[in-house]
Amino acid sequence: MKEIILQKLAELEQSENIRILYACESGSRAWGFASPDSDFDVRFIYARNVNHYLSIAEMPDVVGLPVNEVLDIGGWDLKKALKLFLKSNGPLYEWLQSPIVYHQDNIFTNELRGLMPAYFSLRSGGNHYLSMANNTLRDDLQSDIVKLKRYFYALRPALACQWIVEKQTVPPMEFDKLRVLISDQKVQKSIDDLLDQKKTADEKAFIKPVALLNEWLTDILNNCQEQMPLMPSDKKDADELNEVFRKYLKP
């Protein structure tokens, strides 16, 4: 599949006249809880030539291919990506930590990764993950039967939020790295059981709610809700990101 993905990315570079600076896996395969039928969520950052950015017309800042059951490939223009980096966009900070990288300009990615600690707003990032986890717990995990995968869509952001509260650093993307925060072995065992099920179940699989995990999620999210206003909300200026932008414009 990697060869197919690289071929699709190369075709996009040619057809759109862009230069892809970074491309990675962004979904459940990178998070660490893919199902057998999980699709490939490929995300990338690209640059165009200088004249594109000097136009007075508003230009598209996303590029992608039609989504099918196997491949979901889409990317952001460099300027859009850097604006979102400045705003501590959670998905973008995750992309840059993905364990599955399809293509990268090493200098570009190392430069952005090096800027992450200084530009990531703990409060903004924490509120992003808090909202994701709360919404999933409330909307998807309260019925008599629930989608198996929705538990991981609550657990991962809840743990990312807890990471921000406890460690006050950019949370890792991978679920296994976040799980080190869980001290309750019963909770760990329940998660292991769900992971075992997810390895063989399809994306649409339903299960009965797991009361222990619902209670644990509620407690963690209530604590994060209390702590989030205490998190630093400092924002840096864009000077270093402007330098990155100008450096990587396509000639």
C-alpha atoms as a PDB file:
ATOM      1  CA  MET A   1       0.000   0.000   0.000  1.00  0.00           C
ATOM      2  CA  LYS A   2       2.889   2.393   0.681  1.00  0.00           C
ATOM      3  CA  GLU A   3       3.939   2.224  -2.974  1.00  0.00           C
ATOM      4  CA  ILE A   4       0.394   3.075  -4.084  1.00  0.00           C
ATOM      5  CA  ILE A   5       0.269   6.008  -1.661  1.00  0.00           C
ATOM      6  CA  LEU A   6       3.637   7.344  -2.869  1.00  0.00           C
ATOM      7  CA  GLN A   7       2.440   7.030  -6.465  1.00  0.00           C
ATOM      8  CA  LYS A   8      -0.742   8.992  -5.666  1.00  0.00           C
ATOM      9  CA  LEU A   9       1.286  11.699  -3.931  1.00  0.00           C
ATOM     10  CA  ALA A  10       3.643  11.965  -6.900  1.00  0.00           C
ATOM     11  CA  GLU A  11       0.665  12.274  -9.259  1.00  0.00           C
ATOM     12  CA  LEU A  12      -0.745  15.078  -7.107  1.00  0.00           C
ATOM     13  CA  GLU A  13       2.573  16.919  -7.221  1.00  0.00           C
ATOM     14  CA  GLN A  14       2.505  16.784 -11.019  1.00  0.00           C
ATOM     15  CA  SER A  15      -1.166  17.588 -11.578  1.00  0.00           C
ATOM     16  CA  GLU A  16      -1.332  20.389  -8.995  1.00  0.00           C
ATOM     17  CA  ASN A  17       2.192  21.774  -9.541  1.00  0.00           C
ATOM     18  CA  ILE A  18       3.015  21.493  -5.852  1.00  0.00           C
ATOM     19  CA  ARG A  19       5.909  20.262  -3.752  1.00  0.00           C
ATOM     20  CA  ILE A  20       4.945  17.927  -0.911  1.00  0.00           C
ATOM     21  CA  LEU A  21       7.093  18.680   2.122  1.00  0.00           C
ATOM     22  CA  TYR A  22       5.650  16.095   4.491  1.00  0.00           C
ATOM     23  CA  ALA A  23       3.166  13.227   4.206  1.00  0.00           C
ATOM     24  CA  CYS A  24       2.092  10.845   6.946  1.00  0.00           C
ATOM     25  CA  GLU A  25      -0.621   8.538   8.273  1.00  0.00           C
ATOM     26  CA  SER A  26      -3.004  10.440  10.515  1.00  0.00           C
ATOM     27  CA  GLY A  27      -5.788   8.087  11.642  1.00  0.00           C
ATOM     28  CA  SER A  28      -6.262   4.895  13.616  1.00  0.00           C
ATOM     29  CA  ARG A  29      -3.306   3.170  11.951  1.00  0.00           C
ATOM     30  CA  ALA A  30      -1.015   5.856  13.357  1.00  0.00           C
ATOM     31  CA  TRP A  31      -2.847   6.099  16.688  1.00  0.00           C
ATOM     32  CA  GLY A  32      -2.364   2.380  17.233  1.00  0.00           C
ATOM     33  CA  PHE A  33      -5.861   0.901  17.182  1.00  0.00           C
ATOM     34  CA  ALA A  34      -6.687   0.063  13.575  1.00  0.00           C
ATOM     35  CA  SER A  35      -9.373  -2.430  12.605  1.00  0.00           C
ATOM     36  CA  PRO A  36      -8.808  -4.940   9.793  1.00  0.00           C
ATOM     37  CA  ASP A  37     -10.879  -2.763   7.446  1.00  0.00           C
ATOM     38  CA  SER A  38      -9.558   0.636   8.564  1.00  0.00           C
ATOM     39  CA  ASP A  39      -8.799   2.921   5.654  1.00  0.00           C
ATOM     40  CA  PHE A  40      -5.535   4.790   5.148  1.00  0.00           C
ATOM     41  CA  ASP A  41      -5.783   8.432   6.262  1.00  0.00           C
ATOM     42  CA  VAL A  42      -2.933  10.178   4.471  1.00  0.00           C
ATOM     43  CA  ARG A  43      -2.296  13.838   5.261  1.00  0.00           C
ATOM     44  CA  PHE A  44       0.339  16.128   3.822  1.00  0.00           C
ATOM     45  CA  ILE A  45       1.726  19.656   3.757  1.00  0.00           C
ATOM     46  CA  TYR A  46       2.648  21.160   0.408  1.00  0.00           C
ATOM     47  CA  ALA A  47       4.054  24.390  -1.064  1.00  0.00           C
ATOM     48  CA  ARG A  48       3.324  26.162  -4.354  1.00  0.00           C
ATOM     49  CA  ASN A  49       5.447  28.648  -6.269  1.00  0.00           C
ATOM     50  CA  VAL A  50       5.892  32.215  -5.092  1.00  0.00           C
ATOM     51  CA  ASN A  51       3.510  33.746  -7.659  1.00  0.00           C
ATOM     52  CA  HIS A  52       0.642  31.684  -6.270  1.00  0.00           C
ATOM     53  CA  TYR A  53       0.946  33.509  -2.942  1.00  0.00           C
ATOM     54  CA  LEU A  54       1.210  36.930  -4.587  1.00  0.00           C
ATOM     55  CA  SER A  55      -2.171  36.689  -6.329  1.00  0.00           C
ATOM     56  CA  ILE A  56      -4.929  39.109  -5.262  1.00  0.00           C
ATOM     57  CA  ALA A  57      -7.481  36.329  -5.718  1.00  0.00           C
ATOM     58  CA  GLU A  58      -8.286  33.921  -2.905  1.00  0.00           C
ATOM     59  CA  MET A  59      -6.668  30.633  -3.845  1.00  0.00           C
ATOM     60  CA  PRO A  60      -7.568  27.122  -2.651  1.00  0.00           C
ATOM     61  CA  ASP A  61      -5.460  26.014   0.306  1.00  0.00           C
ATOM     62  CA  VAL A  62      -6.313  22.303   0.302  1.00  0.00           C
ATOM     63  CA  VAL A  63      -5.604  19.535  -2.203  1.00  0.00           C
ATOM     64  CA  GLY A  64      -6.814  15.957  -2.206  1.00  0.00           C
ATOM     65  CA  LEU A  65      -8.154  12.966  -4.035  1.00  0.00           C
ATOM     66  CA  PRO A  66     -11.716  11.612  -3.971  1.00  0.00           C
ATOM     67  CA  VAL A  67     -12.166   9.469  -0.858  1.00  0.00           C
ATOM     68  CA  ASN A  68     -12.870   5.763  -1.271  1.00  0.00           C
ATOM     69  CA  GLU A  69     -13.137   2.805   1.094  1.00  0.00           C
ATOM     70  CA  VAL A  70      -9.377   2.314   1.206  1.00  0.00           C
ATOM     71  CA  LEU A  71      -7.705   5.687   0.718  1.00  0.00           C
ATOM     72  CA  ASP A  72      -8.384   9.131   2.153  1.00  0.00           C
ATOM     73  CA  ILE A  73      -5.634  11.447   0.886  1.00  0.00           C
ATOM     74  CA  GLY A  74      -5.669  15.178   1.523  1.00  0.00           C
ATOM     75  CA  GLY A  75      -3.253  17.988   2.304  1.00  0.00           C
ATOM     76  CA  TRP A  76      -2.904  21.582   3.431  1.00  0.00           C
ATOM     77  CA  ASP A  77      -1.045  24.407   1.782  1.00  0.00           C
ATOM     78  CA  LEU A  78       2.079  25.479   3.674  1.00  0.00           C
ATOM     79  CA  LYS A  79       0.601  28.879   4.555  1.00  0.00           C
ATOM     80  CA  LYS A  80      -2.581  27.292   5.924  1.00  0.00           C
ATOM     81  CA  ALA A  81      -0.563  24.736   7.884  1.00  0.00           C
ATOM     82  CA  LEU A  82       1.647  27.382   9.481  1.00  0.00           C
ATOM     83  CA  LYS A  83      -1.358  29.514  10.421  1.00  0.00           C
ATOM     84  CA  LEU A  84      -2.868  26.468  12.137  1.00  0.00           C
ATOM     85  CA  PHE A  85       0.479  25.656  13.755  1.00  0.00           C
ATOM     86  CA  LEU A  86       0.388  29.138  15.276  1.00  0.00           C
ATOM     87  CA  LYS A  87      -3.098  28.359  16.634  1.00  0.00           C
ATOM     88  CA  SER A  88      -1.943  25.052  18.208  1.00  0.00           C
ATOM     89  CA  ASN A  89      -4.091  22.974  15.863  1.00  0.00           C
ATOM     90  CA  GLY A  90      -4.238  19.513  17.456  1.00  0.00           C
ATOM     91  CA  PRO A  91      -4.345  17.377  14.287  1.00  0.00           C
ATOM     92  CA  LEU A  92      -1.361  19.195  12.769  1.00  0.00           C
ATOM     93  CA  TYR A  93       0.752  18.691  15.890  1.00  0.00           C
ATOM     94  CA  GLU A  94      -0.229  15.012  15.729  1.00  0.00           C
ATOM     95  CA  TRP A  95       0.743  14.700  12.056  1.00  0.00           C
ATOM     96  CA  LEU A  96       4.243  15.867  12.900  1.00  0.00           C
ATOM     97  CA  GLN A  97       4.550  13.030  15.439  1.00  0.00           C
ATOM     98  CA  SER A  98       3.106  10.275  13.262  1.00  0.00           C
ATOM     99  CA  PRO A  99       4.981   6.960  13.466  1.00  0.00           C
ATOM    100  CA  ILE A 100       4.092   6.308   9.813  1.00  0.00           C
ATOM    101  CA  VAL A 101       5.782   8.828   7.505  1.00  0.00           C
ATOM    102  CA  TYR A 102       5.405   8.352   3.761  1.00  0.00           C
ATOM    103  CA  HIS A 103       7.536  11.257   2.574  1.00  0.00           C
ATOM    104  CA  GLN A 104       9.342  14.180   4.151  1.00  0.00           C
ATOM    105  CA  ASP A 105      11.802  16.976   3.658  1.00  0.00           C
ATOM    106  CA  ASN A 106      13.891  16.194   6.730  1.00  0.00           C
ATOM    107  CA  ILE A 107      15.043  19.751   7.336  1.00  0.00           C
ATOM    108  CA  PHE A 108      11.476  21.087   7.108  1.00  0.00           C
ATOM    109  CA  THR A 109       9.961  18.528   9.471  1.00  0.00           C
ATOM    110  CA  ASN A 110      12.799  18.769  11.981  1.00  0.00           C
ATOM    111  CA  GLU A 111      12.456  22.537  11.964  1.00  0.00           C
ATOM    112  CA  LEU A 112       8.719  22.425  12.650  1.00  0.00           C
ATOM    113  CA  ARG A 113       9.076  19.704  15.281  1.00  0.00           C
ATOM    114  CA  GLY A 114      11.691  21.821  16.999  1.00  0.00           C
ATOM    115  CA  LEU A 115       9.241  24.736  17.195  1.00  0.00           C
ATOM    116  CA  MET A 116       6.387  22.666  18.645  1.00  0.00           C
ATOM    117  CA  PRO A 117       7.185  23.127  22.365  1.00  0.00           C
ATOM    118  CA  ALA A 118       7.411  26.901  22.030  1.00  0.00           C
ATOM    119  CA  TYR A 119       4.284  27.372  19.900  1.00  0.00           C
ATOM    120  CA  PHE A 120       1.912  24.845  21.452  1.00  0.00           C
ATOM    121  CA  SER A 121      -0.638  26.551  23.720  1.00  0.00           C
ATOM    122  CA  LEU A 122      -1.413  24.201  26.600  1.00  0.00           C
ATOM    123  CA  ARG A 123      -4.797  25.759  27.233  1.00  0.00           C
ATOM    124  CA  SER A 124      -5.870  25.837  23.583  1.00  0.00           C
ATOM    125  CA  GLY A 125      -4.650  22.297  22.960  1.00  0.00           C
ATOM    126  CA  GLY A 126      -6.172  21.050  26.194  1.00  0.00           C
ATOM    127  CA  ASN A 127      -9.555  22.552  25.402  1.00  0.00           C
ATOM    128  CA  HIS A 128      -9.463  20.925  21.953  1.00  0.00           C
ATOM    129  CA  TYR A 129      -8.954  17.455  23.395  1.00  0.00           C
ATOM    130  CA  LEU A 130     -11.345  18.070  26.268  1.00  0.00           C
ATOM    131  CA  SER A 131     -14.133  19.007  23.868  1.00  0.00           C
ATOM    132  CA  MET A 132     -13.463  15.969  21.648  1.00  0.00           C
ATOM    133  CA  ALA A 133     -13.566  13.528  24.557  1.00  0.00           C
ATOM    134  CA  ASN A 134     -16.592  15.116  26.228  1.00  0.00           C
ATOM    135  CA  ASN A 135     -18.587  15.135  22.999  1.00  0.00           C
ATOM    136  CA  THR A 136     -17.815  11.499  22.261  1.00  0.00           C
ATOM    137  CA  LEU A 137     -18.610  10.358  25.799  1.00  0.00           C
ATOM    138  CA  ARG A 138     -21.891  12.266  25.796  1.00  0.00           C
ATOM    139  CA  ASP A 139     -23.073  11.580  22.257  1.00  0.00           C
ATOM    140  CA  ASP A 140     -21.715   8.122  21.459  1.00  0.00           C
ATOM    141  CA  LEU A 141     -21.193   6.111  24.649  1.00  0.00           C
ATOM    142  CA  GLN A 142     -24.492   6.444  26.528  1.00  0.00           C
ATOM    143  CA  SER A 143     -26.726   4.052  24.559  1.00  0.00           C
ATOM    144  CA  ASP A 144     -27.566   0.418  25.239  1.00  0.00           C
ATOM    145  CA  ILE A 145     -25.118  -0.547  22.508  1.00  0.00           C
ATOM    146  CA  VAL A 146     -22.262   1.618  21.264  1.00  0.00           C
ATOM    147  CA  LYS A 147     -19.699   1.509  18.467  1.00  0.00           C
ATOM    148  CA  LEU A 148     -16.524  -0.155  19.653  1.00  0.00           C
ATOM    149  CA  LYS A 149     -14.253   2.342  17.937  1.00  0.00           C
ATOM    150  CA  ARG A 150     -15.920   5.287  19.680  1.00  0.00           C
ATOM    151  CA  TYR A 151     -14.315   4.250  22.968  1.00  0.00           C
ATOM    152  CA  PHE A 152     -10.915   4.975  21.475  1.00  0.00           C
ATOM    153  CA  TYR A 153     -12.200   8.284  20.120  1.00  0.00           C
ATOM    154  CA  ALA A 154     -12.948   9.216  23.729  1.00  0.00           C
ATOM    155  CA  LEU A 155      -9.992   7.580  25.463  1.00  0.00           C
ATOM    156  CA  ARG A 156      -7.259   9.034  23.284  1.00  0.00           C
ATOM    157  CA  PRO A 157      -8.264  12.715  23.575  1.00  0.00           C
ATOM    158  CA  ALA A 158      -9.063  12.276  27.282  1.00  0.00           C
ATOM    159  CA  LEU A 159      -5.550  10.976  27.852  1.00  0.00           C
ATOM    160  CA  ALA A 160      -4.073  13.738  25.681  1.00  0.00           C
ATOM    161  CA  CYS A 161      -5.871  16.278  27.839  1.00  0.00           C
ATOM    162  CA  GLN A 162      -4.665  14.574  31.013  1.00  0.00           C
ATOM    163  CA  TRP A 163      -1.123  14.622  29.582  1.00  0.00           C
ATOM    164  CA  ILE A 164      -1.335  18.380  29.076  1.00  0.00           C
ATOM    165  CA  VAL A 165      -2.565  18.886  32.650  1.00  0.00           C
ATOM    166  CA  GLU A 166       0.011  16.626  34.267  1.00  0.00           C
ATOM    167  CA  LYS A 167       3.105  17.046  32.080  1.00  0.00           C
ATOM    168  CA  GLN A 168       2.408  20.451  30.491  1.00  0.00           C
ATOM    169  CA  THR A 169       3.990  19.424  27.198  1.00  0.00           C
ATOM    170  CA  VAL A 170       2.720  18.538  23.720  1.00  0.00           C
ATOM    171  CA  PRO A 171       0.915  15.189  24.100  1.00  0.00           C
ATOM    172  CA  PRO A 172       2.131  12.262  21.986  1.00  0.00           C
ATOM    173  CA  MET A 173       0.005  11.046  19.108  1.00  0.00           C
ATOM    174  CA  GLU A 174       0.245   7.304  19.793  1.00  0.00           C
ATOM    175  CA  PHE A 175      -2.243   5.702  22.144  1.00  0.00           C
ATOM    176  CA  ASP A 176       0.303   3.391  23.790  1.00  0.00           C
ATOM    177  CA  LYS A 177       2.450   6.357  24.796  1.00  0.00           C
ATOM    178  CA  LEU A 178      -0.579   8.094  26.346  1.00  0.00           C
ATOM    179  CA  ARG A 179      -1.630   4.979  28.287  1.00  0.00           C
ATOM    180  CA  VAL A 180       1.338   5.307  30.640  1.00  0.00           C
ATOM    181  CA  LEU A 181      -0.766   7.868  32.521  1.00  0.00           C
ATOM    182  CA  ILE A 182      -3.286   5.207  33.624  1.00  0.00           C
ATOM    183  CA  SER A 183      -2.434   3.759  37.040  1.00  0.00           C
ATOM    184  CA  ASP A 184      -5.646   1.776  37.499  1.00  0.00           C
ATOM    185  CA  GLN A 185      -4.909  -1.771  36.322  1.00  0.00           C
ATOM    186  CA  LYS A 186      -8.608  -2.587  35.943  1.00  0.00           C
ATOM    187  CA  VAL A 187      -8.938   0.273  33.487  1.00  0.00           C
ATOM    188  CA  GLN A 188      -5.842  -0.941  31.633  1.00  0.00           C
ATOM    189  CA  LYS A 189      -7.311  -4.448  31.468  1.00  0.00           C
ATOM    190  CA  SER A 190     -10.599  -3.115  30.069  1.00  0.00           C
ATOM    191  CA  ILE A 191      -8.702  -1.206  27.405  1.00  0.00           C
ATOM    192  CA  ASP A 192      -6.664  -4.303  26.521  1.00  0.00           C
ATOM    193  CA  ASP A 193      -9.905  -6.225  26.081  1.00  0.00           C
ATOM    194  CA  LEU A 194     -11.256  -3.569  23.709  1.00  0.00           C
ATOM    195  CA  LEU A 195      -8.014  -3.509  21.735  1.00  0.00           C
ATOM    196  CA  ASP A 196      -8.162  -7.281  21.320  1.00  0.00           C
ATOM    197  CA  GLN A 197     -11.707  -6.992  19.999  1.00  0.00           C
ATOM    198  CA  LYS A 198     -10.807  -4.172  17.646  1.00  0.00           C
ATOM    199  CA  LYS A 199      -8.016  -6.187  16.029  1.00  0.00           C
ATOM    200  CA  THR A 200     -10.588  -8.577  14.579  1.00  0.00           C
ATOM    201  CA  ALA A 201     -13.795  -6.489  14.445  1.00  0.00           C
ATOM    202  CA  ASP A 202     -14.796  -4.259  11.565  1.00  0.00           C
ATOM    203  CA  GLU A 203     -15.220  -0.497  11.816  1.00  0.00           C
ATOM    204  CA  LYS A 204     -18.988  -0.808  12.359  1.00  0.00           C
ATOM    205  CA  ALA A 205     -18.805  -3.270  15.281  1.00  0.00           C
ATOM    206  CA  PHE A 206     -21.068  -2.573  18.281  1.00  0.00           C
ATOM    207  CA  ILE A 207     -20.580  -3.579  21.928  1.00  0.00           C
ATOM    208  CA  LYS A 208     -22.334  -3.007  25.228  1.00  0.00           C
ATOM    209  CA  PRO A 209     -21.110   0.055  27.145  1.00  0.00           C
ATOM    210  CA  VAL A 210     -18.225  -0.547  29.555  1.00  0.00           C
ATOM    211  CA  ALA A 211     -19.342   1.046  32.809  1.00  0.00           C
ATOM    212  CA  LEU A 212     -15.832   1.109  34.274  1.00  0.00           C
ATOM    213  CA  LEU A 213     -14.460   3.082  31.337  1.00  0.00           C
ATOM    214  CA  ASN A 214     -17.414   5.466  31.267  1.00  0.00           C
ATOM    215  CA  GLU A 215     -16.865   6.224  34.950  1.00  0.00           C
ATOM    216  CA  TRP A 216     -13.130   6.624  34.483  1.00  0.00           C
ATOM    217  CA  LEU A 217     -13.604   8.942  31.511  1.00  0.00           C
ATOM    218  CA  THR A 218     -16.090  11.051  33.460  1.00  0.00           C
ATOM    219  CA  ASP A 219     -13.676  11.451  36.376  1.00  0.00           C
ATOM    220  CA  ILE A 220     -10.695  12.300  34.170  1.00  0.00           C
ATOM    221  CA  LEU A 221     -12.630  14.818  32.110  1.00  0.00           C
ATOM    222  CA  ASN A 222     -14.119  16.496  35.179  1.00  0.00           C
ATOM    223  CA  ASN A 223     -10.614  16.931  36.576  1.00  0.00           C
ATOM    224  CA  CYS A 224      -9.326  18.293  33.268  1.00  0.00           C
ATOM    225  CA  GLN A 225     -12.271  20.701  33.133  1.00  0.00           C
ATOM    226  CA  GLU A 226     -11.245  22.083  36.524  1.00  0.00           C
ATOM    227  CA  GLN A 227      -7.561  22.328  35.658  1.00  0.00           C
ATOM    228  CA  MET A 228      -7.797  23.763  32.159  1.00  0.00           C
ATOM    229  CA  PRO A 229      -8.336  27.426  33.192  1.00  0.00           C
ATOM    230  CA  LEU A 230      -5.052  27.160  35.115  1.00  0.00           C
ATOM    231  CA  MET A 231      -3.061  26.137  32.044  1.00  0.00           C
ATOM    232  CA  PRO A 232      -0.800  28.744  30.426  1.00  0.00           C
ATOM    233  CA  SER A 233      -2.290  30.404  27.367  1.00  0.00           C
ATOM    234  CA  ASP A 234       0.743  32.334  26.124  1.00  0.00           C
ATOM    235  CA  LYS A 235       0.923  32.826  22.387  1.00  0.00           C
ATOM    236  CA  LYS A 236       4.124  33.465  20.427  1.00  0.00           C
ATOM    237  CA  ASP A 237       4.396  35.826  17.513  1.00  0.00           C
ATOM    238  CA  ALA A 238       4.728  34.439  14.012  1.00  0.00           C
ATOM    239  CA  ASP A 239       8.282  35.573  13.237  1.00  0.00           C
ATOM    240  CA  GLU A 240       9.887  32.116  13.166  1.00  0.00           C
ATOM    241  CA  LEU A 241       6.977  30.671  11.193  1.00  0.00           C
ATOM    242  CA  ASN A 242       7.262  33.474   8.650  1.00  0.00           C
ATOM    243  CA  GLU A 243      10.885  32.467   8.142  1.00  0.00           C
ATOM    244  CA  VAL A 244       9.850  28.853   7.612  1.00  0.00           C
ATOM    245  CA  PHE A 245       7.188  29.927   5.125  1.00  0.00           C
ATOM    246  CA  ARG A 246       9.573  31.974   2.993  1.00  0.00           C
ATOM    247  CA  LYS A 247      12.262  29.294   3.067  1.00  0.00           C
ATOM    248  CA  TYR A 248      10.088  26.528   1.633  1.00  0.00           C
ATOM    249  CA  LEU A 249       8.145  28.291  -1.103  1.00  0.00           C
ATOM    250  CA  LYS A 250       8.366  26.324  -4.343  1.00  0.00           C
ATOM    251  CA  PRO A 251      10.782  28.038  -6.786  1.00  0.00           C
END
